[in-house]
Amino acid sequence: MASPAALPSPAPVPPPPEPQAIRACLTPDVATEFDREWEIVLERAKQTKDLAPVHDLLHKWRHFAYSELKEPGTYFRMLATAAHTLATGKAPAGSVSAPEIKALIDRRLGR
């Protein structure tokens, strides 16, 4: 029988779109960002009586949480890349332009 250390780790899976499950995947610094957005969206939902933004936030953060599970630090690297792009007006090296992405999607959809 293999020792527990010799067994491969299961691949991470996305958490369910629930606040506690999402938070459990985040480092303390990233969880602070989630909490900040969560409070803003909850306050708006109380005022508007519309839960769609809450579901949107959970969907968005579910993807961030999964990214953080696979490769810790992804969230803050994404923020740094966005800040650099906004500051310089140039996309990072190796980026694909919007027209190139659209063409790729069209090819995959057979258009």
PDB file of N, CA and C in Angstrom:
ATOM      1  N   MET A   1       0.850  -1.172   0.000  1.00  0.00           N
ATOM      2  CA  MET A   1       0.000   0.000   0.000  1.00  0.00           C
ATOM      3  C   MET A   1       0.897   1.237   0.000  1.00  0.00           C
ATOM      4  N   ALA A   2       0.559   2.211  -0.798  1.00  0.00           N
ATOM      5  CA  ALA A   2       1.359   3.438  -0.892  1.00  0.00           C
ATOM      6  C   ALA A   2       1.132   4.297   0.339  1.00  0.00           C
ATOM      7  N   SER A   3       2.178   4.994   0.732  1.00  0.00           N
ATOM      8  CA  SER A   3       2.030   5.904   1.865  1.00  0.00           C
ATOM      9  C   SER A   3       1.230   7.123   1.426  1.00  0.00           C
ATOM     10  N   PRO A   4       0.551   7.811   2.362  1.00  0.00           N
ATOM     11  CA  PRO A   4      -0.247   8.984   1.996  1.00  0.00           C
ATOM     12  C   PRO A   4       0.571  10.036   1.247  1.00  0.00           C
ATOM     13  N   ALA A   5       1.849  10.179   1.574  1.00  0.00           N
ATOM     14  CA  ALA A   5       2.677  11.182   0.907  1.00  0.00           C
ATOM     15  C   ALA A   5       2.932  10.808  -0.548  1.00  0.00           C
ATOM     16  N   ALA A   6       2.865   9.510  -0.873  1.00  0.00           N
ATOM     17  CA  ALA A   6       3.144   9.064  -2.230  1.00  0.00           C
ATOM     18  C   ALA A   6       1.924   9.157  -3.141  1.00  0.00           C
ATOM     19  N   LEU A   7       0.747   9.291  -2.580  1.00  0.00           N
ATOM     20  CA  LEU A   7      -0.467   9.384  -3.385  1.00  0.00           C
ATOM     21  C   LEU A   7      -0.545  10.756  -4.055  1.00  0.00           C
ATOM     22  N   PRO A   8      -0.948  10.780  -5.315  1.00  0.00           N
ATOM     23  CA  PRO A   8      -1.065  12.080  -5.987  1.00  0.00           C
ATOM     24  C   PRO A   8      -2.211  12.893  -5.399  1.00  0.00           C
ATOM     25  N   SER A   9      -2.014  14.193  -5.369  1.00  0.00           N
ATOM     26  CA  SER A   9      -3.070  15.083  -4.885  1.00  0.00           C
ATOM     27  C   SER A   9      -4.152  15.178  -5.944  1.00  0.00           C
ATOM     28  N   PRO A  10      -5.409  15.177  -5.523  1.00  0.00           N
ATOM     29  CA  PRO A  10      -6.464  15.331  -6.524  1.00  0.00           C
ATOM     30  C   PRO A  10      -6.393  16.738  -7.127  1.00  0.00           C
ATOM     31  N   ALA A  11      -6.762  16.835  -8.377  1.00  0.00           N
ATOM     32  CA  ALA A  11      -6.774  18.141  -9.043  1.00  0.00           C
ATOM     33  C   ALA A  11      -7.819  19.018  -8.366  1.00  0.00           C
ATOM     34  N   PRO A  12      -7.516  20.311  -8.204  1.00  0.00           N
ATOM     35  CA  PRO A  12      -8.514  21.186  -7.586  1.00  0.00           C
ATOM     36  C   PRO A  12      -9.749  21.309  -8.472  1.00  0.00           C
ATOM     37  N   VAL A  13     -10.860  21.498  -7.831  1.00  0.00           N
ATOM     38  CA  VAL A  13     -12.121  21.711  -8.548  1.00  0.00           C
ATOM     39  C   VAL A  13     -12.698  23.051  -8.118  1.00  0.00           C
ATOM     40  N   PRO A  14     -13.479  23.688  -9.002  1.00  0.00           N
ATOM     41  CA  PRO A  14     -14.079  24.966  -8.610  1.00  0.00           C
ATOM     42  C   PRO A  14     -14.996  24.779  -7.404  1.00  0.00           C
ATOM     43  N   PRO A  15     -14.983  25.743  -6.498  1.00  0.00           N
ATOM     44  CA  PRO A  15     -15.904  25.643  -5.363  1.00  0.00           C
ATOM     45  C   PRO A  15     -17.332  25.924  -5.817  1.00  0.00           C
ATOM     46  N   PRO A  16     -18.305  25.504  -5.036  1.00  0.00           N
ATOM     47  CA  PRO A  16     -19.681  25.884  -5.370  1.00  0.00           C
ATOM     48  C   PRO A  16     -19.832  27.399  -5.241  1.00  0.00           C
ATOM     49  N   PRO A  17     -20.822  27.972  -5.917  1.00  0.00           N
ATOM     50  CA  PRO A  17     -21.000  29.429  -5.847  1.00  0.00           C
ATOM     51  C   PRO A  17     -21.640  29.865  -4.529  1.00  0.00           C
ATOM     52  N   GLU A  18     -20.942  29.596  -3.443  1.00  0.00           N
ATOM     53  CA  GLU A  18     -21.412  29.944  -2.105  1.00  0.00           C
ATOM     54  C   GLU A  18     -20.296  30.713  -1.402  1.00  0.00           C
ATOM     55  N   PRO A  19     -20.641  31.767  -0.665  1.00  0.00           N
ATOM     56  CA  PRO A  19     -19.608  32.619  -0.062  1.00  0.00           C
ATOM     57  C   PRO A  19     -18.604  31.863   0.800  1.00  0.00           C
ATOM     58  N   GLN A  20     -19.069  30.952   1.652  1.00  0.00           N
ATOM     59  CA  GLN A  20     -18.152  30.251   2.545  1.00  0.00           C
ATOM     60  C   GLN A  20     -17.190  29.358   1.761  1.00  0.00           C
ATOM     61  N   ALA A  21     -17.706  28.684   0.743  1.00  0.00           N
ATOM     62  CA  ALA A  21     -16.872  27.790  -0.056  1.00  0.00           C
ATOM     63  C   ALA A  21     -15.830  28.584  -0.839  1.00  0.00           C
ATOM     64  N   ILE A  22     -16.217  29.711  -1.381  1.00  0.00           N
ATOM     65  CA  ILE A  22     -15.299  30.567  -2.126  1.00  0.00           C
ATOM     66  C   ILE A  22     -14.207  31.085  -1.194  1.00  0.00           C
ATOM     67  N   ARG A  23     -14.626  31.619  -0.059  1.00  0.00           N
ATOM     68  CA  ARG A  23     -13.666  32.188   0.911  1.00  0.00           C
ATOM     69  C   ARG A  23     -12.643  31.157   1.371  1.00  0.00           C
ATOM     70  N   ALA A  24     -13.075  29.907   1.508  1.00  0.00           N
ATOM     71  CA  ALA A  24     -12.184  28.846   1.979  1.00  0.00           C
ATOM     72  C   ALA A  24     -11.037  28.587   0.998  1.00  0.00           C
ATOM     73  N   CYS A  25     -11.183  28.992  -0.235  1.00  0.00           N
ATOM     74  CA  CYS A  25     -10.150  28.787  -1.262  1.00  0.00           C
ATOM     75  C   CYS A  25      -9.170  29.943  -1.359  1.00  0.00           C
ATOM     76  N   LEU A  26      -9.440  31.028  -0.663  1.00  0.00           N
ATOM     77  CA  LEU A  26      -8.669  32.261  -0.827  1.00  0.00           C
ATOM     78  C   LEU A  26      -7.654  32.456   0.289  1.00  0.00           C
ATOM     79  N   THR A  27      -6.548  33.097  -0.052  1.00  0.00           N
ATOM     80  CA  THR A  27      -5.582  33.502   0.970  1.00  0.00           C
ATOM     81  C   THR A  27      -6.212  34.649   1.765  1.00  0.00           C
ATOM     82  N   PRO A  28      -5.704  34.959   2.934  1.00  0.00           N
ATOM     83  CA  PRO A  28      -6.290  36.050   3.725  1.00  0.00           C
ATOM     84  C   PRO A  28      -6.360  37.387   2.975  1.00  0.00           C
ATOM     85  N   ASP A  29      -5.310  37.734   2.214  1.00  0.00           N
ATOM     86  CA  ASP A  29      -5.329  39.002   1.478  1.00  0.00           C
ATOM     87  C   ASP A  29      -6.408  39.024   0.404  1.00  0.00           C
ATOM     88  N   VAL A  30      -6.559  37.918  -0.312  1.00  0.00           N
ATOM     89  CA  VAL A  30      -7.569  37.853  -1.366  1.00  0.00           C
ATOM     90  C   VAL A  30      -8.959  37.773  -0.735  1.00  0.00           C
ATOM     91  N   ALA A  31      -9.092  37.072   0.381  1.00  0.00           N
ATOM     92  CA  ALA A  31     -10.376  36.992   1.080  1.00  0.00           C
ATOM     93  C   ALA A  31     -10.835  38.374   1.524  1.00  0.00           C
ATOM     94  N   THR A  32      -9.898  39.233   1.888  1.00  0.00           N
ATOM     95  CA  THR A  32     -10.248  40.605   2.269  1.00  0.00           C
ATOM     96  C   THR A  32     -10.887  41.338   1.089  1.00  0.00           C
ATOM     97  N   GLU A  33     -10.345  41.119  -0.101  1.00  0.00           N
ATOM     98  CA  GLU A  33     -10.924  41.732  -1.310  1.00  0.00           C
ATOM     99  C   GLU A  33     -12.326  41.182  -1.562  1.00  0.00           C
ATOM    100  N   PHE A  34     -12.485  39.864  -1.417  1.00  0.00           N
ATOM    101  CA  PHE A  34     -13.806  39.253  -1.577  1.00  0.00           C
ATOM    102  C   PHE A  34     -14.791  39.855  -0.580  1.00  0.00           C
ATOM    103  N   ASP A  35     -14.384  39.932   0.678  1.00  0.00           N
ATOM    104  CA  ASP A  35     -15.263  40.470   1.721  1.00  0.00           C
ATOM    105  C   ASP A  35     -15.695  41.903   1.410  1.00  0.00           C
ATOM    106  N   ARG A  36     -14.761  42.709   0.921  1.00  0.00           N
ATOM    107  CA  ARG A  36     -15.076  44.103   0.593  1.00  0.00           C
ATOM    108  C   ARG A  36     -16.154  44.157  -0.491  1.00  0.00           C
ATOM    109  N   GLU A  37     -15.961  43.388  -1.552  1.00  0.00           N
ATOM    110  CA  GLU A  37     -16.958  43.369  -2.627  1.00  0.00           C
ATOM    111  C   GLU A  37     -18.276  42.773  -2.155  1.00  0.00           C
ATOM    112  N   TRP A  38     -18.196  41.733  -1.353  1.00  0.00           N
ATOM    113  CA  TRP A  38     -19.400  41.062  -0.835  1.00  0.00           C
ATOM    114  C   TRP A  38     -20.271  42.053  -0.066  1.00  0.00           C
ATOM    115  N   GLU A  39     -19.651  42.842   0.807  1.00  0.00           N
ATOM    116  CA  GLU A  39     -20.411  43.816   1.602  1.00  0.00           C
ATOM    117  C   GLU A  39     -21.072  44.874   0.714  1.00  0.00           C
ATOM    118  N   ILE A  40     -20.364  45.352  -0.284  1.00  0.00           N
ATOM    119  CA  ILE A  40     -20.919  46.354  -1.202  1.00  0.00           C
ATOM    120  C   ILE A  40     -22.125  45.785  -1.940  1.00  0.00           C
ATOM    121  N   VAL A  41     -21.977  44.581  -2.480  1.00  0.00           N
ATOM    122  CA  VAL A  41     -23.056  43.968  -3.262  1.00  0.00           C
ATOM    123  C   VAL A  41     -24.252  43.633  -2.372  1.00  0.00           C
ATOM    124  N   LEU A  42     -23.991  43.159  -1.155  1.00  0.00           N
ATOM    125  CA  LEU A  42     -25.109  42.865  -0.249  1.00  0.00           C
ATOM    126  C   LEU A  42     -25.888  44.136   0.104  1.00  0.00           C
ATOM    127  N   GLU A  43     -25.173  45.206   0.341  1.00  0.00           N
ATOM    128  CA  GLU A  43     -25.846  46.473   0.663  1.00  0.00           C
ATOM    129  C   GLU A  43     -26.715  46.936  -0.502  1.00  0.00           C
ATOM    130  N   ARG A  44     -26.193  46.838  -1.708  1.00  0.00           N
ATOM    131  CA  ARG A  44     -26.986  47.219  -2.891  1.00  0.00           C
ATOM    132  C   ARG A  44     -28.191  46.307  -3.051  1.00  0.00           C
ATOM    133  N   ALA A  45     -28.012  45.011  -2.793  1.00  0.00           N
ATOM    134  CA  ALA A  45     -29.125  44.070  -2.917  1.00  0.00           C
ATOM    135  C   ALA A  45     -30.222  44.400  -1.912  1.00  0.00           C
ATOM    136  N   LYS A  46     -29.831  44.816  -0.706  1.00  0.00           N
ATOM    137  CA  LYS A  46     -30.831  45.216   0.288  1.00  0.00           C
ATOM    138  C   LYS A  46     -31.623  46.418  -0.197  1.00  0.00           C
ATOM    139  N   GLN A  47     -30.929  47.359  -0.823  1.00  0.00           N
ATOM    140  CA  GLN A  47     -31.594  48.579  -1.288  1.00  0.00           C
ATOM    141  C   GLN A  47     -32.472  48.332  -2.510  1.00  0.00           C
ATOM    142  N   THR A  48     -31.987  47.516  -3.447  1.00  0.00           N
ATOM    143  CA  THR A  48     -32.703  47.333  -4.716  1.00  0.00           C
ATOM    144  C   THR A  48     -33.638  46.128  -4.712  1.00  0.00           C
ATOM    145  N   LYS A  49     -33.466  45.242  -3.743  1.00  0.00           N
ATOM    146  CA  LYS A  49     -34.227  43.985  -3.684  1.00  0.00           C
ATOM    147  C   LYS A  49     -33.952  43.112  -4.903  1.00  0.00           C
ATOM    148  N   ASP A  50     -32.751  43.224  -5.461  1.00  0.00           N
ATOM    149  CA  ASP A  50     -32.348  42.470  -6.647  1.00  0.00           C
ATOM    150  C   ASP A  50     -31.133  41.615  -6.287  1.00  0.00           C
ATOM    151  N   LEU A  51     -31.282  40.296  -6.412  1.00  0.00           N
ATOM    152  CA  LEU A  51     -30.187  39.388  -6.067  1.00  0.00           C
ATOM    153  C   LEU A  51     -29.272  39.061  -7.240  1.00  0.00           C
ATOM    154  N   ALA A  52     -29.593  39.517  -8.432  1.00  0.00           N
ATOM    155  CA  ALA A  52     -28.754  39.204  -9.598  1.00  0.00           C
ATOM    156  C   ALA A  52     -27.296  39.620  -9.385  1.00  0.00           C
ATOM    157  N   PRO A  53     -27.022  40.829  -8.857  1.00  0.00           N
ATOM    158  CA  PRO A  53     -25.615  41.185  -8.634  1.00  0.00           C
ATOM    159  C   PRO A  53     -24.908  40.279  -7.615  1.00  0.00           C
ATOM    160  N   VAL A  54     -25.637  39.740  -6.663  1.00  0.00           N
ATOM    161  CA  VAL A  54     -25.048  38.805  -5.695  1.00  0.00           C
ATOM    162  C   VAL A  54     -24.620  37.532  -6.425  1.00  0.00           C
ATOM    163  N   HIS A  55     -25.497  37.022  -7.280  1.00  0.00           N
ATOM    164  CA  HIS A  55     -25.166  35.819  -8.051  1.00  0.00           C
ATOM    165  C   HIS A  55     -23.999  36.089  -9.002  1.00  0.00           C
ATOM    166  N   ASP A  56     -23.977  37.280  -9.610  1.00  0.00           N
ATOM    167  CA  ASP A  56     -22.866  37.651 -10.501  1.00  0.00           C
ATOM    168  C   ASP A  56     -21.542  37.675  -9.734  1.00  0.00           C
ATOM    169  N   LEU A  57     -21.562  38.247  -8.550  1.00  0.00           N
ATOM    170  CA  LEU A  57     -20.349  38.319  -7.736  1.00  0.00           C
ATOM    171  C   LEU A  57     -19.868  36.920  -7.369  1.00  0.00           C
ATOM    172  N   LEU A  58     -20.777  36.053  -6.955  1.00  0.00           N
ATOM    173  CA  LEU A  58     -20.395  34.693  -6.590  1.00  0.00           C
ATOM    174  C   LEU A  58     -19.827  33.939  -7.796  1.00  0.00           C
ATOM    175  N   HIS A  59     -20.419  34.146  -8.954  1.00  0.00           N
ATOM    176  CA  HIS A  59     -19.919  33.499 -10.171  1.00  0.00           C
ATOM    177  C   HIS A  59     -18.507  33.991 -10.485  1.00  0.00           C
ATOM    178  N   LYS A  60     -18.301  35.302 -10.422  1.00  0.00           N
ATOM    179  CA  LYS A  60     -16.981  35.879 -10.697  1.00  0.00           C
ATOM    180  C   LYS A  60     -15.943  35.355  -9.711  1.00  0.00           C
ATOM    181  N   TRP A  61     -16.260  35.397  -8.427  1.00  0.00           N
ATOM    182  CA  TRP A  61     -15.291  35.002  -7.408  1.00  0.00           C
ATOM    183  C   TRP A  61     -15.073  33.499  -7.379  1.00  0.00           C
ATOM    184  N   ARG A  62     -16.043  32.734  -7.842  1.00  0.00           N
ATOM    185  CA  ARG A  62     -15.849  31.292  -7.950  1.00  0.00           C
ATOM    186  C   ARG A  62     -14.682  31.004  -8.891  1.00  0.00           C
ATOM    187  N   HIS A  63     -14.615  31.747  -9.993  1.00  0.00           N
ATOM    188  CA  HIS A  63     -13.516  31.578 -10.947  1.00  0.00           C
ATOM    189  C   HIS A  63     -12.190  32.038 -10.349  1.00  0.00           C
ATOM    190  N   PHE A  64     -12.216  33.168  -9.632  1.00  0.00           N
ATOM    191  CA  PHE A  64     -10.984  33.629  -8.976  1.00  0.00           C
ATOM    192  C   PHE A  64     -10.506  32.600  -7.949  1.00  0.00           C
ATOM    193  N   ALA A  65     -11.438  32.045  -7.178  1.00  0.00           N
ATOM    194  CA  ALA A  65     -11.074  31.068  -6.148  1.00  0.00           C
ATOM    195  C   ALA A  65     -10.450  29.827  -6.785  1.00  0.00           C
ATOM    196  N   TYR A  66     -11.032  29.367  -7.872  1.00  0.00           N
ATOM    197  CA  TYR A  66     -10.487  28.205  -8.570  1.00  0.00           C
ATOM    198  C   TYR A  66      -9.090  28.508  -9.102  1.00  0.00           C
ATOM    199  N   SER A  67      -8.904  29.693  -9.659  1.00  0.00           N
ATOM    200  CA  SER A  67      -7.578  30.103 -10.147  1.00  0.00           C
ATOM    201  C   SER A  67      -6.570  30.134  -9.009  1.00  0.00           C
ATOM    202  N   GLU A  68      -6.993  30.643  -7.867  1.00  0.00           N
ATOM    203  CA  GLU A  68      -6.094  30.703  -6.707  1.00  0.00           C
ATOM    204  C   GLU A  68      -5.739  29.305  -6.206  1.00  0.00           C
ATOM    205  N   LEU A  69      -6.673  28.359  -6.291  1.00  0.00           N
ATOM    206  CA  LEU A  69      -6.375  26.984  -5.888  1.00  0.00           C
ATOM    207  C   LEU A  69      -5.330  26.369  -6.801  1.00  0.00           C
ATOM    208  N   LYS A  70      -5.480  26.610  -8.103  1.00  0.00           N
ATOM    209  CA  LYS A  70      -4.554  26.032  -9.072  1.00  0.00           C
ATOM    210  C   LYS A  70      -3.200  26.720  -9.047  1.00  0.00           C
ATOM    211  N   GLU A  71      -3.208  28.049  -8.901  1.00  0.00           N
ATOM    212  CA  GLU A  71      -1.964  28.807  -8.944  1.00  0.00           C
ATOM    213  C   GLU A  71      -2.072  30.011  -8.010  1.00  0.00           C
ATOM    214  N   PRO A  72      -1.699  29.841  -6.747  1.00  0.00           N
ATOM    215  CA  PRO A  72      -1.811  30.943  -5.786  1.00  0.00           C
ATOM    216  C   PRO A  72      -1.113  32.208  -6.286  1.00  0.00           C
ATOM    217  N   GLY A  73      -1.759  33.340  -6.035  1.00  0.00           N
ATOM    218  CA  GLY A  73      -1.215  34.627  -6.452  1.00  0.00           C
ATOM    219  C   GLY A  73      -1.809  35.133  -7.753  1.00  0.00           C
ATOM    220  N   THR A  74      -2.636  34.316  -8.399  1.00  0.00           N
ATOM    221  CA  THR A  74      -3.227  34.686  -9.688  1.00  0.00           C
ATOM    222  C   THR A  74      -4.005  35.991  -9.598  1.00  0.00           C
ATOM    223  N   TYR A  75      -4.786  36.159  -8.553  1.00  0.00           N
ATOM    224  CA  TYR A  75      -5.646  37.340  -8.433  1.00  0.00           C
ATOM    225  C   TYR A  75      -4.821  38.625  -8.433  1.00  0.00           C
ATOM    226  N   PHE A  76      -3.792  38.691  -7.591  1.00  0.00           N
ATOM    227  CA  PHE A  76      -3.015  39.923  -7.512  1.00  0.00           C
ATOM    228  C   PHE A  76      -2.138  40.125  -8.748  1.00  0.00           C
ATOM    229  N   ARG A  77      -1.710  39.041  -9.397  1.00  0.00           N
ATOM    230  CA  ARG A  77      -0.985  39.191 -10.667  1.00  0.00           C
ATOM    231  C   ARG A  77      -1.901  39.770 -11.729  1.00  0.00           C
ATOM    232  N   MET A  78      -3.164  39.344 -11.755  1.00  0.00           N
ATOM    233  CA  MET A  78      -4.132  39.873 -12.701  1.00  0.00           C
ATOM    234  C   MET A  78      -4.349  41.369 -12.453  1.00  0.00           C
ATOM    235  N   LEU A  79      -4.464  41.754 -11.188  1.00  0.00           N
ATOM    236  CA  LEU A  79      -4.633  43.174 -10.868  1.00  0.00           C
ATOM    237  C   LEU A  79      -3.413  43.986 -11.289  1.00  0.00           C
ATOM    238  N   ALA A  80      -2.221  43.448 -11.078  1.00  0.00           N
ATOM    239  CA  ALA A  80      -0.990  44.149 -11.462  1.00  0.00           C
ATOM    240  C   ALA A  80      -0.908  44.296 -12.975  1.00  0.00           C
ATOM    241  N   THR A  81      -1.289  43.266 -13.696  1.00  0.00           N
ATOM    242  CA  THR A  81      -1.276  43.335 -15.165  1.00  0.00           C
ATOM    243  C   THR A  81      -2.266  44.381 -15.654  1.00  0.00           C
ATOM    244  N   ALA A  82      -3.462  44.402 -15.069  1.00  0.00           N
ATOM    245  CA  ALA A  82      -4.469  45.395 -15.466  1.00  0.00           C
ATOM    246  C   ALA A  82      -3.985  46.804 -15.163  1.00  0.00           C
ATOM    247  N   ALA A  83      -3.375  47.013 -14.000  1.00  0.00           N
ATOM    248  CA  ALA A  83      -2.873  48.344 -13.633  1.00  0.00           C
ATOM    249  C   ALA A  83      -1.775  48.780 -14.596  1.00  0.00           C
ATOM    250  N   HIS A  84      -0.880  47.871 -14.950  1.00  0.00           N
ATOM    251  CA  HIS A  84       0.196  48.193 -15.884  1.00  0.00           C
ATOM    252  C   HIS A  84      -0.371  48.547 -17.259  1.00  0.00           C
ATOM    253  N   THR A  85      -1.352  47.777 -17.711  1.00  0.00           N
ATOM    254  CA  THR A  85      -1.976  48.032 -19.007  1.00  0.00           C
ATOM    255  C   THR A  85      -2.666  49.386 -19.014  1.00  0.00           C
ATOM    256  N   LEU A  86      -3.379  49.707 -17.951  1.00  0.00           N
ATOM    257  CA  LEU A  86      -4.046  51.011 -17.869  1.00  0.00           C
ATOM    258  C   LEU A  86      -3.036  52.153 -17.819  1.00  0.00           C
ATOM    259  N   ALA A  87      -1.943  51.956 -17.089  1.00  0.00           N
ATOM    260  CA  ALA A  87      -0.945  53.012 -16.938  1.00  0.00           C
ATOM    261  C   ALA A  87      -0.160  53.259 -18.224  1.00  0.00           C
ATOM    262  N   THR A  88       0.133  52.187 -18.960  1.00  0.00           N
ATOM    263  CA  THR A  88       0.966  52.333 -20.152  1.00  0.00           C
ATOM    264  C   THR A  88       0.167  52.405 -21.442  1.00  0.00           C
ATOM    265  N   GLY A  89      -1.078  51.932 -21.396  1.00  0.00           N
ATOM    266  CA  GLY A  89      -1.887  51.895 -22.605  1.00  0.00           C
ATOM    267  C   GLY A  89      -1.486  50.759 -23.533  1.00  0.00           C
ATOM    268  N   LYS A  90      -0.628  49.863 -23.057  1.00  0.00           N
ATOM    269  CA  LYS A  90      -0.156  48.748 -23.886  1.00  0.00           C
ATOM    270  C   LYS A  90      -0.478  47.430 -23.198  1.00  0.00           C
ATOM    271  N   ALA A  91      -0.912  46.490 -24.011  1.00  0.00           N
ATOM    272  CA  ALA A  91      -1.186  45.154 -23.489  1.00  0.00           C
ATOM    273  C   ALA A  91       0.129  44.444 -23.200  1.00  0.00           C
ATOM    274  N   PRO A  92       0.134  43.535 -22.247  1.00  0.00           N
ATOM    275  CA  PRO A  92       1.353  42.791 -21.928  1.00  0.00           C
ATOM    276  C   PRO A  92       1.839  41.984 -23.133  1.00  0.00           C
ATOM    277  N   ALA A  93       3.126  41.714 -23.160  1.00  0.00           N
ATOM    278  CA  ALA A  93       3.704  40.887 -24.224  1.00  0.00           C
ATOM    279  C   ALA A  93       2.996  39.540 -24.264  1.00  0.00           C
ATOM    280  N   GLY A  94       2.741  39.069 -25.436  1.00  0.00           N
ATOM    281  CA  GLY A  94       2.072  37.789 -25.600  1.00  0.00           C
ATOM    282  C   GLY A  94       0.562  37.869 -25.559  1.00  0.00           C
ATOM    283  N   SER A  95       0.016  39.065 -25.383  1.00  0.00           N
ATOM    284  CA  SER A  95      -1.437  39.222 -25.348  1.00  0.00           C
ATOM    285  C   SER A  95      -2.022  39.062 -26.745  1.00  0.00           C
ATOM    286  N   VAL A  96      -3.271  38.730 -26.774  1.00  0.00           N
ATOM    287  CA  VAL A  96      -3.991  38.570 -28.027  1.00  0.00           C
ATOM    288  C   VAL A  96      -4.994  39.714 -28.124  1.00  0.00           C
ATOM    289  N   SER A  97      -5.087  40.329 -29.291  1.00  0.00           N
ATOM    290  CA  SER A  97      -5.995  41.458 -29.482  1.00  0.00           C
ATOM    291  C   SER A  97      -7.447  40.984 -29.550  1.00  0.00           C
ATOM    292  N   ALA A  98      -8.356  41.908 -29.337  1.00  0.00           N
ATOM    293  CA  ALA A  98      -9.785  41.590 -29.407  1.00  0.00           C
ATOM    294  C   ALA A  98     -10.162  41.039 -30.783  1.00  0.00           C
ATOM    295  N   PRO A  99      -9.702  41.644 -31.891  1.00  0.00           N
ATOM    296  CA  PRO A  99     -10.046  41.071 -33.200  1.00  0.00           C
ATOM    297  C   PRO A  99      -9.511  39.645 -33.380  1.00  0.00           C
ATOM    298  N   GLU A 100      -8.320  39.365 -32.819  1.00  0.00           N
ATOM    299  CA  GLU A 100      -7.771  38.009 -32.923  1.00  0.00           C
ATOM    300  C   GLU A 100      -8.621  37.022 -32.121  1.00  0.00           C
ATOM    301  N   ILE A 101      -9.077  37.439 -30.957  1.00  0.00           N
ATOM    302  CA  ILE A 101      -9.934  36.569 -30.137  1.00  0.00           C
ATOM    303  C   ILE A 101     -11.248  36.306 -30.857  1.00  0.00           C
ATOM    304  N   LYS A 102     -11.837  37.365 -31.437  1.00  0.00           N
ATOM    305  CA  LYS A 102     -13.098  37.208 -32.174  1.00  0.00           C
ATOM    306  C   LYS A 102     -12.919  36.252 -33.346  1.00  0.00           C
ATOM    307  N   ALA A 103     -11.813  36.383 -34.071  1.00  0.00           N
ATOM    308  CA  ALA A 103     -11.552  35.489 -35.204  1.00  0.00           C
ATOM    309  C   ALA A 103     -11.406  34.043 -34.732  1.00  0.00           C
ATOM    310  N   LEU A 104     -10.730  33.831 -33.620  1.00  0.00           N
ATOM    311  CA  LEU A 104     -10.571  32.489 -33.072  1.00  0.00           C
ATOM    312  C   LEU A 104     -11.930  31.896 -32.689  1.00  0.00           C
ATOM    313  N   ILE A 105     -12.752  32.697 -32.028  1.00  0.00           N
ATOM    314  CA  ILE A 105     -14.099  32.226 -31.651  1.00  0.00           C
ATOM    315  C   ILE A 105     -14.903  31.882 -32.894  1.00  0.00           C
ATOM    316  N   ASP A 106     -14.845  32.778 -33.890  1.00  0.00           N
ATOM    317  CA  ASP A 106     -15.588  32.526 -35.142  1.00  0.00           C
ATOM    318  C   ASP A 106     -15.124  31.221 -35.796  1.00  0.00           C
ATOM    319  N   ARG A 107     -13.807  30.972 -35.826  1.00  0.00           N
ATOM    320  CA  ARG A 107     -13.297  29.733 -36.421  1.00  0.00           C
ATOM    321  C   ARG A 107     -13.801  28.516 -35.646  1.00  0.00           C
ATOM    322  N   ARG A 108     -13.761  28.621 -34.326  1.00  0.00           N
ATOM    323  CA  ARG A 108     -14.210  27.476 -33.521  1.00  0.00           C
ATOM    324  C   ARG A 108     -15.700  27.215 -33.668  1.00  0.00           C
ATOM    325  N   LEU A 109     -16.452  28.278 -33.924  1.00  0.00           N
ATOM    326  CA  LEU A 109     -17.904  28.114 -34.120  1.00  0.00           C
ATOM    327  C   LEU A 109     -18.260  27.822 -35.571  1.00  0.00           C
ATOM    328  N   GLY A 110     -17.232  27.753 -36.422  1.00  0.00           N
ATOM    329  CA  GLY A 110     -17.465  27.441 -37.839  1.00  0.00           C
ATOM    330  C   GLY A 110     -18.077  28.581 -38.626  1.00  0.00           C
ATOM    331  N   ARG A 111     -17.804  29.791 -38.204  1.00  0.00           N
ATOM    332  CA  ARG A 111     -18.346  30.958 -38.929  1.00  0.00           C
ATOM    333  C   ARG A 111     -17.354  31.470 -39.934  1.00  0.00           C
TER     334      ARG A 111
END
